[in-house]
N, C-alpha and C. Protein backbone atom coordinates (compact mmCIF):
# COMPACT_ATOMS: atom_id res chain seq x y z
N MET A 1 44.95 119.23 44.06
CA MET A 1 45.77 119.47 45.21
C MET A 1 45.53 120.90 45.67
N GLN A 2 45.16 121.09 46.88
CA GLN A 2 44.89 122.41 47.42
C GLN A 2 46.02 122.84 48.34
N THR A 3 46.23 124.14 48.36
CA THR A 3 47.21 124.70 49.28
C THR A 3 46.49 125.47 50.37
N ASN A 4 47.10 125.59 51.49
CA ASN A 4 46.49 126.27 52.62
C ASN A 4 47.06 127.67 52.81
N ILE A 5 47.10 128.44 51.75
CA ILE A 5 47.58 129.81 51.83
C ILE A 5 46.37 130.72 52.01
N PRO A 6 46.35 131.52 53.04
CA PRO A 6 45.20 132.41 53.23
C PRO A 6 45.14 133.46 52.14
N MET A 7 43.94 133.87 51.81
CA MET A 7 43.74 134.82 50.71
C MET A 7 44.24 136.22 51.08
N ASN A 8 44.30 136.53 52.36
CA ASN A 8 44.74 137.86 52.76
C ASN A 8 46.18 137.87 53.25
N ALA A 9 47.01 136.95 52.73
CA ALA A 9 48.42 136.89 53.13
C ALA A 9 49.15 138.10 52.56
N PRO A 10 50.06 138.67 53.31
CA PRO A 10 50.78 139.85 52.82
C PRO A 10 51.71 139.50 51.67
N VAL A 11 51.73 140.35 50.67
CA VAL A 11 52.59 140.16 49.51
C VAL A 11 53.92 140.84 49.81
N PRO A 12 55.04 140.14 49.63
CA PRO A 12 56.33 140.77 49.91
C PRO A 12 56.58 141.94 48.96
N VAL A 13 57.03 143.03 49.51
CA VAL A 13 57.29 144.23 48.72
C VAL A 13 58.75 144.22 48.31
N ARG A 14 58.97 144.44 47.03
CA ARG A 14 60.34 144.48 46.52
C ARG A 14 60.88 145.88 46.67
N ARG A 15 61.98 145.99 47.36
CA ARG A 15 62.54 147.32 47.55
C ARG A 15 63.41 147.69 46.37
N LYS A 16 63.55 148.96 46.14
CA LYS A 16 64.37 149.44 45.03
C LYS A 16 65.84 149.20 45.33
N ALA A 17 66.59 148.96 44.30
CA ALA A 17 68.03 148.74 44.46
C ALA A 17 68.69 150.03 44.90
N GLY A 18 69.57 149.92 45.84
CA GLY A 18 70.28 151.09 46.34
C GLY A 18 71.42 151.47 45.42
N VAL A 19 72.08 152.52 45.81
CA VAL A 19 73.19 153.03 45.01
C VAL A 19 74.31 152.00 44.93
N ARG A 20 74.59 151.34 46.02
CA ARG A 20 75.67 150.35 46.05
C ARG A 20 75.36 149.18 45.12
N GLU A 21 74.12 148.69 45.12
CA GLU A 21 73.75 147.57 44.24
C GLU A 21 73.82 147.97 42.78
N ARG A 22 73.34 149.20 42.48
CA ARG A 22 73.40 149.65 41.08
C ARG A 22 74.83 149.86 40.62
N LYS A 23 75.68 150.35 41.50
CA LYS A 23 77.08 150.55 41.15
C LYS A 23 77.77 149.20 40.93
N ALA A 24 77.46 148.22 41.77
CA ALA A 24 78.04 146.88 41.60
C ALA A 24 77.58 146.25 40.30
N LEU A 25 76.29 146.43 39.97
CA LEU A 25 75.78 145.91 38.70
C LEU A 25 76.46 146.58 37.52
N PHE A 26 76.63 147.90 37.60
CA PHE A 26 77.27 148.63 36.52
C PHE A 26 78.70 148.15 36.29
N TYR A 27 79.47 148.02 37.37
CA TYR A 27 80.86 147.58 37.22
C TYR A 27 80.94 146.11 36.79
N GLY A 28 80.01 145.31 37.24
CA GLY A 28 79.98 143.92 36.78
C GLY A 28 79.75 143.83 35.29
N LEU A 29 78.77 144.60 34.80
CA LEU A 29 78.50 144.61 33.36
C LEU A 29 79.66 145.23 32.58
N LEU A 30 80.28 146.25 33.16
CA LEU A 30 81.41 146.90 32.50
C LEU A 30 82.58 145.95 32.33
N PHE A 31 82.87 145.14 33.35
CA PHE A 31 84.01 144.23 33.27
C PHE A 31 83.72 142.99 32.42
N THR A 32 82.46 142.59 32.31
CA THR A 32 82.15 141.44 31.47
C THR A 32 81.88 141.82 30.02
N ALA A 33 81.70 143.10 29.74
CA ALA A 33 81.37 143.53 28.38
C ALA A 33 82.44 143.13 27.35
N PRO A 34 83.75 143.28 27.60
CA PRO A 34 84.72 142.87 26.57
C PRO A 34 84.65 141.38 26.24
N ALA A 35 84.42 140.55 27.24
CA ALA A 35 84.32 139.12 26.97
C ALA A 35 83.07 138.80 26.16
N VAL A 36 81.96 139.45 26.48
CA VAL A 36 80.72 139.21 25.76
C VAL A 36 80.83 139.72 24.33
N ILE A 37 81.40 140.90 24.15
CA ILE A 37 81.57 141.45 22.81
C ILE A 37 82.52 140.58 21.99
N GLY A 38 83.60 140.12 22.60
CA GLY A 38 84.53 139.24 21.89
C GLY A 38 83.89 137.92 21.50
N PHE A 39 83.08 137.37 22.40
CA PHE A 39 82.37 136.12 22.08
C PHE A 39 81.43 136.32 20.91
N ILE A 40 80.69 137.42 20.90
CA ILE A 40 79.75 137.67 19.82
C ILE A 40 80.48 137.89 18.50
N LEU A 41 81.55 138.68 18.53
CA LEU A 41 82.27 138.99 17.29
C LEU A 41 83.06 137.82 16.73
N PHE A 42 83.72 137.06 17.60
CA PHE A 42 84.67 136.06 17.11
C PHE A 42 84.18 134.62 17.21
N THR A 43 83.08 134.36 17.90
CA THR A 43 82.58 133.00 18.01
C THR A 43 81.15 132.87 17.50
N ALA A 44 80.23 133.57 18.12
CA ALA A 44 78.82 133.42 17.75
C ALA A 44 78.54 133.99 16.37
N GLY A 45 79.12 135.12 16.03
CA GLY A 45 78.89 135.73 14.72
C GLY A 45 79.32 134.84 13.56
N PRO A 46 80.56 134.35 13.56
CA PRO A 46 80.96 133.45 12.48
C PRO A 46 80.19 132.13 12.45
N MET A 47 79.79 131.62 13.62
CA MET A 47 78.99 130.39 13.62
C MET A 47 77.64 130.62 12.95
N ILE A 48 76.99 131.72 13.26
CA ILE A 48 75.70 132.03 12.65
C ILE A 48 75.86 132.29 11.16
N ALA A 49 76.90 133.03 10.79
CA ALA A 49 77.13 133.31 9.37
C ALA A 49 77.42 132.04 8.58
N SER A 50 78.19 131.12 9.13
CA SER A 50 78.47 129.89 8.40
C SER A 50 77.24 129.01 8.29
N PHE A 51 76.38 129.01 9.32
CA PHE A 51 75.14 128.25 9.22
C PHE A 51 74.23 128.84 8.15
N VAL A 52 74.12 130.16 8.08
CA VAL A 52 73.29 130.80 7.05
C VAL A 52 73.85 130.51 5.67
N LEU A 53 75.18 130.56 5.52
CA LEU A 53 75.79 130.26 4.22
C LEU A 53 75.62 128.79 3.85
N SER A 54 75.53 127.90 4.84
CA SER A 54 75.34 126.49 4.52
C SER A 54 73.94 126.20 3.97
N LEU A 55 73.03 127.11 4.17
CA LEU A 55 71.67 126.94 3.64
C LEU A 55 71.50 127.56 2.26
N THR A 56 72.58 128.06 1.68
CA THR A 56 72.51 128.68 0.36
C THR A 56 73.41 127.93 -0.62
N ASP A 57 73.25 128.26 -1.88
CA ASP A 57 74.11 127.72 -2.93
C ASP A 57 75.16 128.79 -3.25
N TYR A 58 76.06 129.00 -2.32
CA TYR A 58 77.03 130.08 -2.41
C TYR A 58 78.25 129.63 -3.19
N ASN A 59 78.70 130.47 -4.07
CA ASN A 59 79.92 130.22 -4.83
C ASN A 59 80.67 131.55 -4.90
N VAL A 60 81.97 131.52 -4.68
CA VAL A 60 82.76 132.74 -4.66
C VAL A 60 82.77 133.39 -6.04
N PHE A 61 82.72 132.59 -7.09
CA PHE A 61 82.85 133.12 -8.44
C PHE A 61 81.51 133.53 -9.04
N LYS A 62 80.39 133.16 -8.41
CA LYS A 62 79.08 133.58 -8.87
C LYS A 62 78.65 134.81 -8.08
N GLU A 63 77.94 135.70 -8.73
CA GLU A 63 77.47 136.88 -8.02
C GLU A 63 76.12 136.63 -7.35
N SER A 64 75.36 135.68 -7.82
CA SER A 64 74.05 135.43 -7.23
C SER A 64 74.13 134.32 -6.18
N VAL A 65 73.35 134.49 -5.14
CA VAL A 65 73.26 133.51 -4.08
C VAL A 65 71.81 133.06 -4.01
N SER A 66 71.59 131.74 -4.08
CA SER A 66 70.21 131.24 -4.01
C SER A 66 70.04 130.39 -2.76
N PHE A 67 68.90 130.55 -2.11
CA PHE A 67 68.58 129.81 -0.90
C PHE A 67 68.09 128.43 -1.29
N ILE A 68 68.75 127.37 -0.76
CA ILE A 68 68.33 126.01 -1.09
C ILE A 68 67.91 125.22 0.14
N GLY A 69 67.97 125.83 1.31
CA GLY A 69 67.51 125.16 2.53
C GLY A 69 68.44 124.05 2.97
N PHE A 70 67.86 122.92 3.37
CA PHE A 70 68.65 121.81 3.91
C PHE A 70 69.08 120.82 2.83
N ASP A 71 69.05 121.20 1.57
CA ASP A 71 69.48 120.30 0.49
C ASP A 71 70.97 119.95 0.60
N ASN A 72 71.78 120.90 1.04
CA ASN A 72 73.20 120.60 1.23
C ASN A 72 73.39 119.50 2.27
N TYR A 73 72.64 119.56 3.36
CA TYR A 73 72.76 118.55 4.42
C TYR A 73 72.19 117.21 3.96
N ALA A 74 71.12 117.24 3.21
CA ALA A 74 70.55 115.99 2.69
C ALA A 74 71.54 115.30 1.76
N ARG A 75 72.19 116.07 0.88
CA ARG A 75 73.19 115.50 -0.03
C ARG A 75 74.41 115.00 0.74
N LEU A 76 74.77 115.69 1.79
CA LEU A 76 75.93 115.34 2.58
C LEU A 76 75.75 114.00 3.28
N PHE A 77 74.62 113.81 3.96
CA PHE A 77 74.42 112.60 4.76
C PHE A 77 73.80 111.44 3.99
N SER A 78 73.32 111.68 2.78
CA SER A 78 72.73 110.58 2.00
C SER A 78 73.79 109.78 1.24
N GLY A 79 75.02 110.24 1.22
CA GLY A 79 76.07 109.51 0.54
C GLY A 79 76.34 109.99 -0.87
N GLN A 80 75.67 111.03 -1.32
CA GLN A 80 75.91 111.55 -2.66
C GLN A 80 77.25 112.28 -2.75
N ASP A 81 77.71 112.78 -1.64
CA ASP A 81 78.99 113.47 -1.61
C ASP A 81 80.05 112.50 -1.08
N GLU A 82 80.82 111.92 -1.99
CA GLU A 82 81.77 110.87 -1.60
C GLU A 82 82.98 111.42 -0.86
N SER A 83 83.28 112.68 -0.98
CA SER A 83 84.45 113.22 -0.30
C SER A 83 84.19 113.56 1.16
N PHE A 84 82.93 113.58 1.61
CA PHE A 84 82.62 113.94 2.99
C PHE A 84 83.17 112.92 3.97
N TYR A 85 82.89 111.66 3.77
CA TYR A 85 83.35 110.64 4.71
C TYR A 85 84.86 110.47 4.69
N ARG A 86 85.46 110.67 3.52
CA ARG A 86 86.91 110.62 3.43
C ARG A 86 87.53 111.78 4.21
N SER A 87 86.99 112.97 4.06
CA SER A 87 87.52 114.13 4.79
C SER A 87 87.26 114.01 6.28
N LEU A 88 86.15 113.38 6.66
CA LEU A 88 85.87 113.14 8.08
C LEU A 88 86.90 112.20 8.68
N GLY A 89 87.27 111.17 7.94
CA GLY A 89 88.30 110.24 8.41
C GLY A 89 89.66 110.89 8.52
N VAL A 90 90.02 111.71 7.55
CA VAL A 90 91.31 112.41 7.59
C VAL A 90 91.34 113.38 8.76
N THR A 91 90.23 114.07 9.00
CA THR A 91 90.17 115.00 10.13
C THR A 91 90.29 114.26 11.45
N PHE A 92 89.62 113.14 11.58
CA PHE A 92 89.72 112.35 12.80
C PHE A 92 91.14 111.85 13.01
N TYR A 93 91.76 111.37 11.95
CA TYR A 93 93.14 110.87 12.07
C TYR A 93 94.09 111.99 12.47
N SER A 94 93.98 113.14 11.81
CA SER A 94 94.93 114.22 12.10
C SER A 94 94.72 114.82 13.48
N SER A 95 93.48 114.78 13.99
CA SER A 95 93.27 115.35 15.32
C SER A 95 93.61 114.36 16.42
N CYS A 96 93.47 113.08 16.19
CA CYS A 96 93.76 112.09 17.24
C CYS A 96 95.14 111.47 17.11
N CYS A 97 95.59 111.21 15.90
CA CYS A 97 96.83 110.46 15.70
C CYS A 97 97.93 111.28 15.06
N GLY A 98 97.62 112.47 14.66
CA GLY A 98 98.60 113.29 13.95
C GLY A 98 99.57 113.99 14.88
N CYS A 99 100.19 115.04 14.41
CA CYS A 99 101.23 115.74 15.16
C CYS A 99 100.68 116.82 16.08
N GLN A 100 99.39 117.10 16.10
CA GLN A 100 98.87 118.15 16.95
C GLN A 100 99.06 117.86 18.44
N PRO A 101 98.90 116.63 18.91
CA PRO A 101 99.09 116.42 20.35
C PRO A 101 100.55 116.50 20.78
N ALA A 102 101.48 116.69 19.86
CA ALA A 102 102.90 116.68 20.20
C ALA A 102 103.27 117.79 21.17
N SER A 103 102.60 118.92 21.07
CA SER A 103 102.96 120.01 21.98
C SER A 103 102.50 119.73 23.40
N SER A 104 101.39 119.04 23.56
CA SER A 104 100.88 118.75 24.90
C SER A 104 101.44 117.46 25.46
N PHE A 105 101.47 116.43 24.66
CA PHE A 105 101.90 115.10 25.10
C PHE A 105 102.92 114.54 24.12
N PRO A 106 104.18 114.95 24.20
CA PRO A 106 105.17 114.50 23.22
C PRO A 106 105.37 113.00 23.18
N SER A 107 105.16 112.32 24.29
CA SER A 107 105.39 110.88 24.29
C SER A 107 104.26 110.12 23.61
N LEU A 108 103.11 110.73 23.44
CA LEU A 108 101.97 110.03 22.83
C LEU A 108 101.88 110.25 21.33
N SER A 109 102.60 111.18 20.80
CA SER A 109 102.50 111.49 19.38
C SER A 109 103.32 110.51 18.56
N PRO A 110 102.70 109.86 17.54
CA PRO A 110 103.42 108.85 16.78
C PRO A 110 104.39 109.39 15.76
N CYS A 111 104.23 110.66 15.36
CA CYS A 111 105.03 111.12 14.22
C CYS A 111 106.09 112.14 14.60
N CYS A 112 106.13 112.64 15.80
CA CYS A 112 107.09 113.69 16.11
C CYS A 112 108.17 113.21 17.05
């Protein structure tokens, strides 16, 4: 597929950002910085740390930590860990049928 653009077509020149644009960018970044820092510290950081810890054989009472890779996940989903599916069911029940929805929808909660 060929295009009909002439070889000597003028290239658009990008102008430098003026003082007003740079000031707007600075204030935009300044006002979004607390939200970004809070997200990194309180959401993304713990998620990354828990994923890294899930790839190790971590024990609070042991001083050594050994990297085991995805063996924890293989054991979890292969059925060797019998408490996983039970805890998944309890979590599902407590989040859907338990007392947590009572604050938002009191008429839908079966126990409160």
